[in-house]
């Protein structure tokens, strides 16, 4: 009788801790503010919602301030990094992005070229090892 109560208590604790972990993941927030050559893009995420705060010029990025980004190429995004990685790493010229704009979901054809500039440059390759000395 006691072992089944212990198992039940452990199961309840596991369920509660799993729910708490899921809640803490959803409540993470992040922000990215990028500016270059007169262009600006600010993206924020909070509670699993990615929002465009500023996009100037909007045509450069394919989104506009106030858009909530839901999916990129059919894949849900909930963090700023997921959005910038998906668009910046794409080898396509445009990618379908589902946004919620003014309360309505829309699929936009977003050009990826501007998003590639948001990604950090690749890490430099390590130097080659020195050649062994010539032996006489």
Protein backbone atom coordinates (compact mmCIF):
# COMPACT_ATOMS: atom_id res chain seq x y z
CA UNK A 1 0.00 0.00 0.00
CA UNK A 2 2.74 2.47 0.91
CA UNK A 3 4.79 1.89 -2.27
CA UNK A 4 1.79 2.80 -4.48
CA UNK A 5 1.33 6.07 -2.55
CA UNK A 6 4.98 6.88 -3.00
CA UNK A 7 4.72 6.14 -6.73
CA UNK A 8 1.66 8.36 -6.96
CA UNK A 9 3.43 11.18 -5.10
CA UNK A 10 6.49 10.86 -7.36
CA UNK A 11 4.32 10.89 -10.46
CA UNK A 12 2.56 14.05 -9.27
CA UNK A 13 5.90 15.75 -8.51
CA UNK A 14 7.24 14.78 -11.93
CA UNK A 15 4.14 16.16 -13.63
CA UNK A 16 4.34 19.42 -11.66
CA UNK A 17 8.06 19.88 -12.37
CA UNK A 18 7.57 19.14 -16.08
CA UNK A 19 4.78 21.71 -16.26
CA UNK A 20 6.94 24.25 -14.42
CA UNK A 21 9.80 23.66 -16.87
CA UNK A 22 7.45 24.10 -19.83
CA UNK A 23 6.10 27.32 -18.34
CA UNK A 24 9.59 28.71 -17.74
CA UNK A 25 10.55 27.93 -21.34
CA UNK A 26 7.52 29.78 -22.67
CA UNK A 27 8.17 32.80 -20.46
CA UNK A 28 11.70 33.37 -21.78
CA UNK A 29 12.07 36.63 -23.62
CA UNK A 30 14.69 37.98 -25.97
CA UNK A 31 15.27 40.99 -28.15
CA UNK A 32 17.40 41.73 -31.20
CA UNK A 33 17.99 45.27 -32.48
CA UNK A 34 19.92 45.46 -35.76
CA UNK A 35 20.89 48.64 -37.64
CA UNK A 36 23.04 49.11 -40.70
CA UNK A 37 23.15 51.56 -43.62
CA UNK A 38 19.95 53.31 -42.52
CA UNK A 39 18.02 50.04 -42.16
CA UNK A 40 16.63 48.87 -38.85
CA UNK A 41 15.05 45.66 -37.61
CA UNK A 42 13.93 45.05 -34.05
CA UNK A 43 12.46 41.69 -33.05
CA UNK A 44 11.20 40.64 -29.63
CA UNK A 45 9.94 37.35 -28.28
CA UNK A 46 8.05 36.78 -25.09
CA UNK A 47 5.95 33.83 -23.96
CA UNK A 48 6.53 32.02 -27.26
CA UNK A 49 5.37 34.94 -29.44
CA UNK A 50 7.83 36.56 -31.85
CA UNK A 51 6.94 40.16 -32.72
CA UNK A 52 8.44 42.62 -35.17
CA UNK A 53 8.82 45.91 -33.28
CA UNK A 54 10.51 47.88 -36.08
CA UNK A 55 11.31 47.11 -39.71
CA UNK A 56 12.62 49.93 -41.85
CA UNK A 57 12.36 49.80 -44.76
CA UNK A 58 9.71 47.11 -44.46
CA UNK A 59 10.21 46.02 -48.06
CA UNK A 60 13.81 45.06 -47.28
CA UNK A 61 12.79 42.51 -44.65
CA UNK A 62 9.35 41.53 -45.97
CA UNK A 63 7.68 42.14 -42.60
CA UNK A 64 6.48 45.25 -40.83
CA UNK A 65 6.25 46.61 -37.32
CA UNK A 66 3.37 45.01 -35.45
CA UNK A 67 3.61 41.63 -37.21
CA UNK A 68 3.63 38.54 -35.02
CA UNK A 69 5.63 35.81 -36.74
CA UNK A 70 3.97 32.42 -36.42
CA UNK A 71 5.74 30.12 -38.91
CA UNK A 72 8.68 30.15 -41.31
CA UNK A 73 8.36 27.76 -44.24
CA UNK A 74 5.66 25.89 -42.29
CA UNK A 75 7.73 25.53 -39.09
CA UNK A 76 6.53 27.30 -35.92
CA UNK A 77 8.90 29.86 -34.42
CA UNK A 78 8.78 30.99 -30.81
CA UNK A 79 12.14 32.70 -30.36
CA UNK A 80 14.06 35.47 -32.08
CA UNK A 81 16.97 33.14 -32.87
CA UNK A 82 14.71 30.58 -34.50
CA UNK A 83 13.33 33.27 -36.83
CA UNK A 84 16.69 34.78 -37.79
CA UNK A 85 18.31 31.35 -38.22
CA UNK A 86 15.50 30.01 -40.40
CA UNK A 87 15.51 33.00 -42.74
CA UNK A 88 19.25 33.67 -42.69
CA UNK A 89 20.24 30.06 -43.36
CA UNK A 90 17.77 29.48 -46.19
CA UNK A 91 19.25 28.97 -49.64
CA UNK A 92 15.96 30.12 -51.21
CA UNK A 93 15.49 33.66 -52.51
CA UNK A 94 12.14 33.96 -50.70
CA UNK A 95 10.51 31.94 -47.95
CA UNK A 96 6.83 31.78 -46.96
CA UNK A 97 6.35 33.34 -43.54
CA UNK A 98 3.01 33.25 -41.73
CA UNK A 99 2.35 36.36 -39.67
CA UNK A 100 -0.57 37.68 -37.70
CA UNK A 101 -1.17 41.25 -38.86
CA UNK A 102 -4.07 43.31 -37.52
CA UNK A 103 -5.67 40.15 -36.12
CA UNK A 104 -5.55 38.18 -39.38
CA UNK A 105 -3.10 35.45 -40.36
CA UNK A 106 -1.31 36.09 -43.66
CA UNK A 107 1.38 34.25 -45.58
CA UNK A 108 4.09 36.59 -46.85
CA UNK A 109 6.84 35.85 -49.34
CA UNK A 110 9.87 37.13 -47.40
CA UNK A 111 13.17 37.84 -49.20
CA UNK A 112 16.02 36.10 -47.39
CA UNK A 113 18.96 38.23 -48.60
CA UNK A 114 18.50 40.93 -45.94
CA UNK A 115 18.12 38.29 -43.23
CA UNK A 116 21.51 36.75 -44.08
CA UNK A 117 23.17 39.99 -42.98
CA UNK A 118 21.72 39.47 -39.50
CA UNK A 119 23.65 36.27 -38.96
CA UNK A 120 27.11 36.48 -37.46
CA UNK A 121 29.93 35.65 -39.86
CA UNK A 122 31.23 32.10 -39.68
CA UNK A 123 34.04 31.48 -37.23
CA UNK A 124 37.48 31.68 -38.79
CA UNK A 125 39.14 28.42 -39.61
CA UNK A 126 41.92 27.44 -37.24
CA UNK A 127 45.42 27.89 -38.62
CA UNK A 128 47.07 24.92 -40.27
CA UNK A 129 49.65 23.12 -38.18
CA UNK A 130 53.22 24.00 -39.06
CA UNK A 131 55.01 21.76 -41.52
CA UNK A 132 57.60 19.44 -40.06
CA UNK A 133 61.14 20.69 -40.51
CA UNK A 134 63.18 19.30 -43.40
CA UNK A 135 65.68 16.69 -42.34
CA UNK A 136 69.12 16.56 -43.94
